Structures are given as structure tokens and as C-alpha cells.
Amino acid sequence: MDKIREAILKVALGFSLEEVTEEYDMKDGEMRLIKRKETKKDVPPDLKAAKLLIEERDYSALSDEELEAEKRRLLLRLKEEEQKNKEES
């Protein structure tokens, strides 16, 4: 379940990925690479994924102090993920 939550968090925050496309041709009886293209794509944050994360927990039963602590925790997590995404870029 943690892997699913992490995947939803990644989509909720947005991420970057690199895509590699290669074209090959048969020359002299063997396959040879004739073209290689690397593309970096930025996937924007997804609000539906963020909503899933928010709805995952019942916040109505928390006290004001618990809500404030959860807010700080989530903001810290967002900042860590943003830093991690910047470092990967």
C-alpha cells in the first residue's frame, strides 16, 4: 500500500521523466542504431491525485493542534519532494 501512496504522491506533486527513442536499420546483415532522441518531459501536478491523498485520512476527528502538526508535516514533505525533483533535473 505504501508504494501506491508514494506513486499517488509523485503524481500529485508532479515529476520529470526522460524518454529515449531509438531507430534501427538493417545494414550488412546486422541491426545498427541510426537515430537516438532523448526528450525530457515535465508532468504537472495532478489535483485529483492530491485530492485522493487528502481524502485518505479523516481530518474531522483531529484537534487543532493535530491539524497544525499534520499541516507542518505535509508542507515539509512537499518541500522535500520539490527539492528531490530539482536535484534530479
N, C-alpha and C. Protein backbone atom coordinates (compact mmCIF):
# COMPACT_ATOMS: atom_id res chain seq x y z
N MET A 1 0.82 -1.19 0.00
CA MET A 1 0.00 0.00 0.00
C MET A 1 0.86 1.26 0.00
N ASP A 2 2.05 1.20 0.62
CA ASP A 2 2.94 2.35 0.64
C ASP A 2 3.41 2.73 -0.75
N LYS A 3 3.65 1.73 -1.61
CA LYS A 3 4.09 2.02 -2.97
C LYS A 3 3.01 2.75 -3.76
N ILE A 4 1.76 2.37 -3.52
CA ILE A 4 0.65 3.04 -4.19
C ILE A 4 0.56 4.47 -3.71
N ARG A 5 0.66 4.68 -2.42
CA ARG A 5 0.60 6.03 -1.86
C ARG A 5 1.74 6.89 -2.39
N GLU A 6 2.94 6.32 -2.47
CA GLU A 6 4.09 7.05 -2.99
C GLU A 6 3.88 7.42 -4.46
N ALA A 7 3.29 6.51 -5.23
CA ALA A 7 3.01 6.80 -6.64
C ALA A 7 1.99 7.92 -6.77
N ILE A 8 0.95 7.89 -5.92
CA ILE A 8 -0.06 8.95 -5.95
C ILE A 8 0.57 10.28 -5.54
N LEU A 9 1.45 10.25 -4.54
CA LEU A 9 2.13 11.46 -4.10
C LEU A 9 2.99 12.03 -5.23
N LYS A 10 3.68 11.16 -5.94
CA LYS A 10 4.52 11.61 -7.05
C LYS A 10 3.67 12.32 -8.11
N VAL A 11 2.52 11.74 -8.44
CA VAL A 11 1.63 12.35 -9.43
C VAL A 11 1.03 13.64 -8.89
N ALA A 12 0.69 13.66 -7.62
CA ALA A 12 0.12 14.86 -7.02
C ALA A 12 1.09 16.03 -7.04
N LEU A 13 2.37 15.75 -6.88
CA LEU A 13 3.40 16.80 -6.84
C LEU A 13 3.93 17.16 -8.23
N GLY A 14 3.74 16.27 -9.19
CA GLY A 14 4.32 16.47 -10.50
C GLY A 14 5.73 15.90 -10.51
N PHE A 15 6.23 15.59 -11.71
CA PHE A 15 7.55 15.00 -11.81
C PHE A 15 8.10 15.18 -13.22
N SER A 16 9.37 14.87 -13.38
CA SER A 16 10.02 14.93 -14.67
C SER A 16 10.46 13.52 -15.06
N LEU A 17 10.48 13.26 -16.35
CA LEU A 17 10.96 11.98 -16.81
C LEU A 17 11.71 12.17 -18.12
N GLU A 18 12.58 11.22 -18.42
CA GLU A 18 13.32 11.25 -19.67
C GLU A 18 12.86 10.08 -20.52
N GLU A 19 12.64 10.39 -21.79
CA GLU A 19 12.16 9.39 -22.73
C GLU A 19 13.22 9.23 -23.81
N VAL A 20 13.57 8.00 -24.13
CA VAL A 20 14.58 7.73 -25.16
C VAL A 20 13.90 6.96 -26.30
N THR A 21 14.09 7.49 -27.51
CA THR A 21 13.55 6.84 -28.71
C THR A 21 14.74 6.49 -29.61
N GLU A 22 14.79 5.24 -30.03
CA GLU A 22 15.88 4.80 -30.88
C GLU A 22 15.32 4.17 -32.16
N GLU A 23 15.98 4.48 -33.29
CA GLU A 23 15.61 3.88 -34.57
C GLU A 23 16.77 3.05 -35.06
N TYR A 24 16.46 1.86 -35.53
CA TYR A 24 17.48 0.95 -36.02
C TYR A 24 17.23 0.63 -37.49
N ASP A 25 18.29 0.24 -38.20
CA ASP A 25 18.21 -0.15 -39.59
C ASP A 25 19.11 -1.36 -39.80
N MET A 26 18.70 -2.20 -40.73
CA MET A 26 19.49 -3.38 -41.05
C MET A 26 20.52 -3.01 -42.11
N LYS A 27 21.80 -3.10 -41.77
CA LYS A 27 22.89 -2.83 -42.72
C LYS A 27 23.92 -3.93 -42.60
N ASP A 28 24.28 -4.45 -43.73
CA ASP A 28 25.30 -5.51 -43.79
C ASP A 28 24.95 -6.69 -42.88
N GLY A 29 23.66 -7.01 -42.82
CA GLY A 29 23.22 -8.17 -42.06
C GLY A 29 23.12 -7.99 -40.56
N GLU A 30 23.29 -6.77 -40.07
CA GLU A 30 23.14 -6.55 -38.64
C GLU A 30 22.38 -5.24 -38.36
N MET A 31 21.76 -5.21 -37.22
CA MET A 31 20.99 -4.03 -36.83
C MET A 31 21.95 -2.97 -36.32
N ARG A 32 21.76 -1.74 -36.82
CA ARG A 32 22.59 -0.62 -36.39
C ARG A 32 21.71 0.54 -35.98
N LEU A 33 22.13 1.18 -34.93
CA LEU A 33 21.42 2.36 -34.46
C LEU A 33 21.67 3.50 -35.44
N ILE A 34 20.57 4.08 -35.96
CA ILE A 34 20.75 5.19 -36.90
C ILE A 34 20.29 6.52 -36.31
N LYS A 35 19.44 6.46 -35.29
CA LYS A 35 18.95 7.70 -34.71
C LYS A 35 18.56 7.46 -33.25
N ARG A 36 18.96 8.39 -32.39
CA ARG A 36 18.63 8.31 -30.96
C ARG A 36 18.18 9.69 -30.52
N LYS A 37 17.03 9.74 -29.86
CA LYS A 37 16.48 11.02 -29.41
C LYS A 37 16.12 10.91 -27.93
N GLU A 38 16.65 11.83 -27.14
CA GLU A 38 16.35 11.89 -25.72
C GLU A 38 15.49 13.13 -25.47
N THR A 39 14.38 12.93 -24.79
CA THR A 39 13.45 14.01 -24.51
C THR A 39 13.15 14.05 -23.02
N LYS A 40 13.19 15.24 -22.45
CA LYS A 40 12.82 15.41 -21.05
C LYS A 40 11.40 15.97 -21.01
N LYS A 41 10.54 15.33 -20.23
CA LYS A 41 9.16 15.77 -20.12
C LYS A 41 8.86 16.11 -18.66
N ASP A 42 8.15 17.21 -18.49
CA ASP A 42 7.68 17.60 -17.17
C ASP A 42 6.18 17.30 -17.08
N VAL A 43 5.83 16.49 -16.10
CA VAL A 43 4.43 16.15 -15.87
C VAL A 43 3.94 17.05 -14.73
N PRO A 44 2.93 17.89 -15.00
CA PRO A 44 2.49 18.84 -13.98
C PRO A 44 1.77 18.15 -12.82
N PRO A 45 1.67 18.82 -11.68
CA PRO A 45 0.93 18.26 -10.54
C PRO A 45 -0.51 17.95 -10.93
N ASP A 46 -1.05 16.90 -10.35
CA ASP A 46 -2.41 16.47 -10.65
C ASP A 46 -3.30 16.68 -9.42
N LEU A 47 -4.32 17.51 -9.58
CA LEU A 47 -5.20 17.83 -8.45
C LEU A 47 -6.03 16.64 -7.99
N LYS A 48 -6.39 15.75 -8.89
CA LYS A 48 -7.16 14.57 -8.49
C LYS A 48 -6.34 13.67 -7.56
N ALA A 49 -5.07 13.54 -7.87
CA ALA A 49 -4.18 12.74 -7.02
C ALA A 49 -4.02 13.41 -5.65
N ALA A 50 -3.88 14.74 -5.64
CA ALA A 50 -3.78 15.46 -4.37
C ALA A 50 -5.04 15.26 -3.55
N LYS A 51 -6.19 15.31 -4.20
CA LYS A 51 -7.47 15.10 -3.50
C LYS A 51 -7.54 13.70 -2.89
N LEU A 52 -7.05 12.71 -3.62
CA LEU A 52 -7.02 11.34 -3.09
C LEU A 52 -6.20 11.27 -1.80
N LEU A 53 -5.07 11.94 -1.80
CA LEU A 53 -4.21 11.93 -0.60
C LEU A 53 -4.90 12.62 0.57
N ILE A 54 -5.59 13.71 0.29
CA ILE A 54 -6.28 14.45 1.35
C ILE A 54 -7.44 13.63 1.91
N GLU A 55 -8.19 12.98 1.02
CA GLU A 55 -9.35 12.20 1.45
C GLU A 55 -8.96 10.90 2.13
N GLU A 56 -7.70 10.50 1.98
CA GLU A 56 -7.23 9.25 2.55
C GLU A 56 -7.36 9.23 4.07
N ARG A 57 -7.26 10.37 4.66
CA ARG A 57 -7.28 10.45 6.12
C ARG A 57 -8.47 11.27 6.59
N ASP A 58 -9.09 10.84 7.67
CA ASP A 58 -10.23 11.57 8.23
C ASP A 58 -9.71 12.66 9.15
N TYR A 59 -9.70 13.88 8.65
CA TYR A 59 -9.18 15.01 9.41
C TYR A 59 -10.21 15.59 10.38
N SER A 60 -11.45 15.19 10.25
CA SER A 60 -12.50 15.78 11.09
C SER A 60 -12.35 15.40 12.56
N ALA A 61 -11.68 14.29 12.84
CA ALA A 61 -11.53 13.85 14.23
C ALA A 61 -10.30 14.44 14.92
N LEU A 62 -9.49 15.21 14.20
CA LEU A 62 -8.26 15.74 14.76
C LEU A 62 -8.51 17.06 15.51
N SER A 63 -7.72 17.26 16.54
CA SER A 63 -7.77 18.53 17.28
C SER A 63 -7.05 19.60 16.46
N ASP A 64 -7.17 20.85 16.87
CA ASP A 64 -6.48 21.94 16.17
C ASP A 64 -4.97 21.72 16.18
N GLU A 65 -4.45 21.25 17.29
CA GLU A 65 -3.01 21.01 17.40
C GLU A 65 -2.57 19.89 16.45
N GLU A 66 -3.39 18.83 16.39
CA GLU A 66 -3.07 17.73 15.49
C GLU A 66 -3.15 18.16 14.02
N LEU A 67 -4.14 18.98 13.71
CA LEU A 67 -4.26 19.51 12.36
C LEU A 67 -3.05 20.36 11.98
N GLU A 68 -2.63 21.20 12.90
CA GLU A 68 -1.47 22.06 12.66
C GLU A 68 -0.21 21.21 12.46
N ALA A 69 -0.05 20.17 13.26
CA ALA A 69 1.10 19.28 13.12
C ALA A 69 1.07 18.54 11.77
N GLU A 70 -0.11 18.12 11.37
CA GLU A 70 -0.25 17.44 10.07
C GLU A 70 0.03 18.41 8.93
N LYS A 71 -0.40 19.63 9.06
CA LYS A 71 -0.12 20.66 8.05
C LYS A 71 1.39 20.86 7.91
N ARG A 72 2.08 20.99 9.05
CA ARG A 72 3.54 21.16 9.01
C ARG A 72 4.22 19.96 8.36
N ARG A 73 3.74 18.77 8.72
CA ARG A 73 4.32 17.54 8.17
C ARG A 73 4.15 17.49 6.64
N LEU A 74 2.95 17.81 6.17
CA LEU A 74 2.68 17.78 4.74
C LEU A 74 3.47 18.84 3.98
N LEU A 75 3.58 20.03 4.55
CA LEU A 75 4.35 21.09 3.91
C LEU A 75 5.83 20.72 3.83
N LEU A 76 6.34 20.10 4.88
CA LEU A 76 7.73 19.64 4.89
C LEU A 76 7.93 18.56 3.82
N ARG A 77 6.99 17.65 3.74
CA ARG A 77 7.07 16.57 2.73
C ARG A 77 7.05 17.15 1.32
N LEU A 78 6.19 18.15 1.08
CA LEU A 78 6.14 18.79 -0.22
C LEU A 78 7.46 19.46 -0.56
N LYS A 79 8.03 20.14 0.41
CA LYS A 79 9.31 20.82 0.21
C LYS A 79 10.41 19.81 -0.11
N GLU A 80 10.42 18.68 0.61
CA GLU A 80 11.42 17.63 0.37
C GLU A 80 11.28 17.05 -1.04
N GLU A 81 10.04 16.81 -1.46
CA GLU A 81 9.79 16.26 -2.79
C GLU A 81 10.19 17.26 -3.87
N GLU A 82 9.90 18.54 -3.66
CA GLU A 82 10.29 19.56 -4.62
C GLU A 82 11.81 19.63 -4.74
N GLN A 83 12.50 19.57 -3.61
CA GLN A 83 13.97 19.59 -3.62
C GLN A 83 14.51 18.37 -4.35
N LYS A 84 13.92 17.22 -4.08
CA LYS A 84 14.34 15.98 -4.72
C LYS A 84 14.15 16.08 -6.23
N ASN A 85 13.01 16.64 -6.67
CA ASN A 85 12.75 16.80 -8.10
C ASN A 85 13.73 17.76 -8.74
N LYS A 86 14.11 18.84 -8.02
CA LYS A 86 15.09 19.78 -8.56
C LYS A 86 16.46 19.11 -8.72
N GLU A 87 16.84 18.30 -7.74
CA GLU A 87 18.13 17.63 -7.80
C GLU A 87 18.19 16.61 -8.93
N GLU A 88 17.05 16.00 -9.25
CA GLU A 88 17.01 15.01 -10.32
C GLU A 88 17.02 15.66 -11.68
N SER A 89 16.66 16.94 -11.75
CA SER A 89 16.60 17.63 -13.05
C SER A 89 17.97 18.02 -13.55
